[in-house]
Amino acid sequence: MPLEFRNLIIGYRDKSKLKEIAGPFDIEIPEKKLIAVIGKNGSGKTTLIKTIGQQLASLKGGVYLNEQSLLNISNNQRARLISFVYTTTLSSENMTVHELVALGRYPFLHWFSKPSKKDTDSIKEALTFTALDVLAKTKIHELSDGQKQRAFIARALAQETPYMVLDEPMSHLDHHHKAQLFSLMKKLVTEKNKTIVYTTHDIENAINHADYILALNEGESFFNTPKKLIEKGVFNRLFPKDRVYFDSTTNRFLYLDSKSK
């Protein structure tokens, strides 16, 4: 069930004008892999996520899943195929972790229907897999940032979609919780056969952990494994050459004054 961007141009419609942000993309996302989307602020990372989620219409081309345009898939059916974790917080954080994760079952429920054993089992499994079972009765506002992010991922896991799309999941996390989250995402790929697409500002971690990277840079885009992108010198093009350079021996970005020392 491949996810594809076909001649995709993303951006905004401002009255009668079109503002192109990035593209065109012609990419088939490899299944059961961890894919990072990187780029400077304004490069189109979140715009791409919103386009996949159909919150924004593409300016040209489209997003296809299993050869079918997402435009032609109903909201409920799409929710059974792709789950999303956004950076926005809940309007009310007074619900418990269990109640939040249970929201992941909404595509499978009808109005006034009671959760089935399958729903209950999926919620329990998502809580256990993300190590949140001991916090199931805890209010969301009582969690740390790292625990909150795991709770949102658990909700997406309970949704049982082959694709998971995360917008800046590392925001506001310290190194410890970033490491935990990367480990969790890797487990979702290897043990749950998920395909995960996520945006991030942490390019160095993406280089070291992601299977593939989509790099956005001032209208250009590059998609390949981190190793291939390093070989092509892509990371050297992301920032002003007189300020930052990419050291391929350490996979780190260094300030120019560091290079001279």
Protein backbone atom coordinates (compact mmCIF):
# COMPACT_ATOMS: atom_id res chain seq x y z
CA MET A 1 0.00 0.00 0.00
CA PRO A 2 2.44 2.72 -1.17
CA LEU A 3 2.09 6.38 -0.20
CA GLU A 4 3.08 8.61 -3.12
CA PHE A 5 3.51 12.28 -3.93
CA ARG A 6 2.79 12.76 -7.61
CA ASN A 7 3.89 16.05 -9.15
CA LEU A 8 2.93 17.54 -5.80
CA ILE A 9 3.30 21.28 -5.21
CA ILE A 10 2.35 22.50 -1.74
CA GLY A 11 1.48 25.98 -0.53
CA TYR A 12 -1.41 28.29 0.19
CA ARG A 13 -4.22 29.96 -1.65
CA ASP A 14 -4.41 33.59 -0.58
CA LYS A 15 -7.55 35.02 -2.16
CA SER A 16 -6.84 34.92 -5.88
CA LYS A 17 -3.11 34.30 -5.48
CA LEU A 18 -1.22 31.04 -5.05
CA LYS A 19 1.83 30.93 -2.81
CA GLU A 20 4.04 27.97 -3.63
CA ILE A 21 6.11 26.72 -0.68
CA ALA A 22 7.75 23.55 -2.01
CA GLY A 23 7.64 21.03 -4.82
CA PRO A 24 7.08 19.53 -7.22
CA PHE A 25 7.60 16.18 -5.49
CA ASP A 26 7.54 12.83 -7.24
CA ILE A 27 8.25 10.45 -4.40
CA GLU A 28 7.14 7.00 -3.35
CA ILE A 29 7.51 6.62 0.41
CA PRO A 30 9.18 3.29 1.27
CA GLU A 31 6.93 1.14 3.43
CA LYS A 32 7.79 0.10 6.99
CA LYS A 33 10.51 2.72 7.30
CA LEU A 34 11.20 5.82 9.41
CA ILE A 35 11.17 8.89 7.17
CA ALA A 36 12.24 12.33 8.42
CA VAL A 37 11.24 15.60 6.76
CA ILE A 38 13.78 18.34 7.44
CA GLY A 39 14.37 21.94 6.44
CA LYS A 40 14.58 25.48 7.77
CA ASN A 41 11.54 27.30 9.14
CA GLY A 42 9.22 28.15 6.26
CA SER A 43 10.60 25.40 4.02
CA GLY A 44 7.26 23.59 3.95
CA LYS A 45 7.51 20.82 6.56
CA THR A 46 4.22 21.50 8.33
CA THR A 47 2.57 22.49 5.05
CA LEU A 48 3.40 19.04 3.70
CA ILE A 49 1.93 17.37 6.79
CA LYS A 50 -1.28 19.40 6.45
CA THR A 51 -1.47 18.51 2.76
CA ILE A 52 -1.18 14.80 3.55
CA GLY A 53 -3.92 15.26 6.14
CA GLN A 54 -6.08 17.14 3.62
CA GLN A 55 -6.20 20.21 5.86
CA LEU A 56 -4.65 22.06 2.95
CA ALA A 57 -5.35 21.39 -0.71
CA SER A 58 -2.34 20.83 -2.93
CA LEU A 59 -1.64 23.57 -5.47
CA LYS A 60 -0.83 20.94 -8.07
CA GLY A 61 -0.60 17.17 -8.22
CA GLY A 62 -1.67 15.08 -5.27
CA VAL A 63 -1.06 12.57 -2.52
CA TYR A 64 -1.93 8.99 -3.40
CA LEU A 65 -2.34 5.92 -1.25
CA ASN A 66 -2.56 2.52 -2.88
CA GLU A 67 -2.98 4.21 -6.29
CA GLN A 68 -5.96 6.25 -5.05
CA SER A 69 -5.95 10.02 -4.51
CA LEU A 70 -6.61 10.95 -0.89
CA LEU A 71 -9.15 13.42 -2.25
CA ASN A 72 -11.29 10.45 -3.26
CA ILE A 73 -11.07 8.65 0.07
CA SER A 74 -13.69 9.43 2.73
CA ASN A 75 -12.57 10.96 6.02
CA ASN A 76 -13.45 7.80 7.91
CA GLN A 77 -11.61 5.52 5.51
CA ARG A 78 -8.59 7.81 5.50
CA ALA A 79 -8.58 7.68 9.30
CA ARG A 80 -8.19 3.92 9.05
CA LEU A 81 -5.13 4.33 6.84
CA ILE A 82 -3.20 7.31 8.22
CA SER A 83 -3.03 8.56 11.81
CA PHE A 84 -1.65 11.97 12.77
CA VAL A 85 0.14 13.40 15.78
CA TYR A 86 0.21 17.18 15.68
CA THR A 87 2.07 19.67 17.85
CA THR A 88 -1.16 21.34 18.96
CA THR A 89 -2.37 20.60 22.47
CA LEU A 90 -5.77 19.37 23.50
CA SER A 91 -8.51 21.92 24.08
CA SER A 92 -8.99 20.19 27.42
CA GLU A 93 -6.19 18.32 29.16
CA ASN A 94 -8.45 17.12 31.95
CA MET A 95 -9.02 13.72 30.35
CA THR A 96 -7.05 10.68 31.43
CA VAL A 97 -4.40 8.93 29.36
CA HIS A 98 -6.81 6.04 28.80
CA GLU A 99 -9.53 8.41 27.56
CA LEU A 100 -7.10 10.07 25.15
CA VAL A 101 -5.86 6.78 23.74
CA ALA A 102 -9.47 5.56 23.38
CA LEU A 103 -10.07 8.43 20.93
CA GLY A 104 -7.91 6.48 18.48
CA ARG A 105 -10.78 4.03 18.00
CA TYR A 106 -13.20 6.65 16.63
CA PRO A 107 -12.92 5.48 12.96
CA PHE A 108 -14.30 2.09 14.02
CA LEU A 109 -17.23 3.29 16.12
CA HIS A 110 -20.69 4.43 15.11
CA TRP A 111 -22.81 6.96 16.92
CA PHE A 112 -23.86 5.66 20.36
CA SER A 113 -22.15 2.31 19.77
CA LYS A 114 -20.26 0.77 22.66
CA PRO A 115 -16.58 -0.17 22.35
CA SER A 116 -16.12 -3.79 21.33
CA LYS A 117 -13.62 -6.25 22.79
CA LYS A 118 -11.41 -5.44 19.80
CA ASP A 119 -11.50 -1.73 20.72
CA THR A 120 -10.70 -2.50 24.35
CA ASP A 121 -7.83 -4.80 23.39
CA SER A 122 -6.37 -2.25 20.94
CA ILE A 123 -6.41 0.47 23.61
CA LYS A 124 -4.78 -1.81 26.17
CA GLU A 125 -2.11 -2.93 23.69
CA ALA A 126 -1.30 0.68 22.72
CA LEU A 127 -0.91 1.66 26.38
CA THR A 128 1.34 -1.32 27.07
CA PHE A 129 3.47 -0.86 23.95
CA THR A 130 4.16 2.80 24.83
CA ALA A 131 4.76 1.96 28.52
CA LEU A 132 1.81 4.07 29.62
CA ASP A 133 -0.33 1.34 31.16
CA VAL A 134 0.75 2.39 34.65
CA LEU A 135 -0.34 5.96 33.85
CA ALA A 136 -3.68 5.06 32.27
CA LYS A 137 -5.70 6.87 34.96
CA THR A 138 -3.41 9.92 35.06
CA LYS A 139 -4.70 13.25 33.74
CA ILE A 140 -2.97 14.56 30.64
CA HIS A 141 -2.01 17.83 32.34
CA GLU A 142 -0.12 15.84 34.98
CA LEU A 143 2.24 14.25 32.46
CA SER A 144 5.71 15.39 31.47
CA ASP A 145 6.24 16.56 27.88
CA GLY A 146 7.80 13.23 26.98
CA GLN A 147 4.91 11.27 28.50
CA LYS A 148 2.39 13.48 26.70
CA GLN A 149 4.04 12.81 23.37
CA ARG A 150 3.96 9.07 24.04
CA ALA A 151 0.25 9.36 24.91
CA PHE A 152 -0.51 11.02 21.57
CA ILE A 153 1.48 8.32 19.80
CA ALA A 154 -0.43 5.67 21.76
CA ARG A 155 -3.68 7.20 20.52
CA ALA A 156 -2.38 6.95 16.93
CA LEU A 157 -1.26 3.37 17.59
CA ALA A 158 -4.74 2.43 18.85
CA GLN A 159 -6.05 3.72 15.52
CA GLU A 160 -4.24 0.77 13.88
CA THR A 161 -3.22 2.56 10.68
CA PRO A 162 -0.34 1.36 8.48
CA TYR A 163 0.90 4.98 8.22
CA MET A 164 1.66 7.36 11.07
CA VAL A 165 2.47 11.04 10.43
CA LEU A 166 3.99 13.14 13.22
CA ASP A 167 4.55 16.90 13.14
CA GLU A 168 7.60 17.94 15.20
CA PRO A 169 7.32 15.15 17.80
CA MET A 170 10.68 16.15 19.34
CA SER A 171 9.65 19.74 20.15
CA HIS A 172 10.34 20.75 23.76
CA LEU A 173 11.87 17.37 24.65
CA ASP A 174 15.22 17.00 26.40
CA HIS A 175 17.89 14.59 25.15
CA HIS A 176 16.66 11.75 27.36
CA HIS A 177 13.08 11.93 26.12
CA LYS A 178 14.22 12.42 22.52
CA ALA A 179 16.19 9.18 22.78
CA GLN A 180 13.13 7.43 24.23
CA LEU A 181 10.92 8.72 21.44
CA PHE A 182 13.33 7.65 18.71
CA SER A 183 13.50 4.20 20.28
CA LEU A 184 9.68 4.04 20.35
CA MET A 185 9.37 5.10 16.72
CA LYS A 186 11.93 2.51 15.67
CA LYS A 187 9.98 -0.17 17.57
CA LEU A 188 6.78 0.89 15.84
CA VAL A 189 8.50 0.38 12.48
CA THR A 190 10.21 -2.91 13.26
CA GLU A 191 7.64 -4.56 15.57
CA LYS A 192 4.35 -3.05 14.39
CA ASN A 193 5.27 -2.68 10.69
CA LYS A 194 4.38 1.01 10.68
CA THR A 195 5.54 3.51 8.09
CA ILE A 196 6.32 6.72 9.97
CA VAL A 197 6.76 10.15 8.41
CA TYR A 198 7.80 12.88 10.84
CA THR A 199 9.03 16.46 10.63
CA THR A 200 11.93 17.68 12.70
CA HIS A 201 14.35 20.55 13.25
CA ASP A 202 16.86 18.13 14.74
CA ILE A 203 18.69 17.28 11.53
CA GLU A 204 21.63 15.54 13.20
CA ASN A 205 19.35 13.06 14.97
CA ALA A 206 17.42 12.50 11.73
CA ILE A 207 20.68 11.68 9.94
CA ASN A 208 21.61 9.17 12.64
CA HIS A 209 18.21 7.53 13.13
CA ALA A 210 15.94 7.90 10.08
CA ASP A 211 15.94 5.35 7.27
CA TYR A 212 15.15 8.05 4.67
CA ILE A 213 15.16 11.84 4.69
CA LEU A 214 13.18 14.34 2.64
CA ALA A 215 15.18 17.58 2.75
CA LEU A 216 13.38 20.80 1.78
CA ASN A 217 15.46 23.82 0.87
CA GLU A 218 14.18 26.99 -0.82
CA GLY A 219 12.07 25.30 -3.45
CA GLU A 220 14.42 22.34 -3.85
CA SER A 221 13.79 18.89 -2.43
CA PHE A 222 16.03 15.87 -1.99
CA PHE A 223 14.90 12.39 -0.97
CA ASN A 224 17.16 9.46 -0.18
CA THR A 225 18.90 7.61 2.64
CA PRO A 226 21.03 9.78 4.95
CA LYS A 227 24.17 8.14 3.55
CA LYS A 228 23.25 8.98 -0.05
CA LEU A 229 22.33 12.57 0.86
CA ILE A 230 25.67 13.01 2.64
CA GLU A 231 27.50 11.70 -0.42
CA LYS A 232 25.63 14.20 -2.63
CA GLY A 233 26.51 17.09 -0.29
CA VAL A 234 22.86 17.94 0.33
CA PHE A 235 23.32 18.95 3.97
CA ASN A 236 25.92 21.54 3.02
CA ARG A 237 23.21 23.36 1.03
CA LEU A 238 20.76 23.83 3.90
CA PHE A 239 22.44 26.74 5.66
CA PRO A 240 24.51 29.80 4.66
CA LYS A 241 28.02 28.64 3.77
CA ASP A 242 29.65 31.54 5.60
CA ARG A 243 28.05 30.49 8.92
CA VAL A 244 27.51 26.74 9.14
CA TYR A 245 29.04 23.68 7.48
CA PHE A 246 28.29 19.98 7.67
CA ASP A 247 31.10 17.70 8.84
CA SER A 248 30.49 14.34 7.15
CA THR A 249 33.04 12.59 9.38
CA THR A 250 30.98 13.27 12.52
CA ASN A 251 27.53 13.84 10.91
CA ARG A 252 27.33 17.18 12.72
CA PHE A 253 26.73 20.78 11.76
CA LEU A 254 29.48 23.10 12.94
CA TYR A 255 29.82 26.86 13.03
CA LEU A 256 32.40 28.29 10.69
CA ASP A 257 34.56 29.59 13.54
CA SER A 258 34.72 25.98 14.83
CA LYS A 259 36.17 24.91 11.49
CA SER A 260 39.02 27.36 11.75
CA LYS A 261 40.06 26.16 15.19
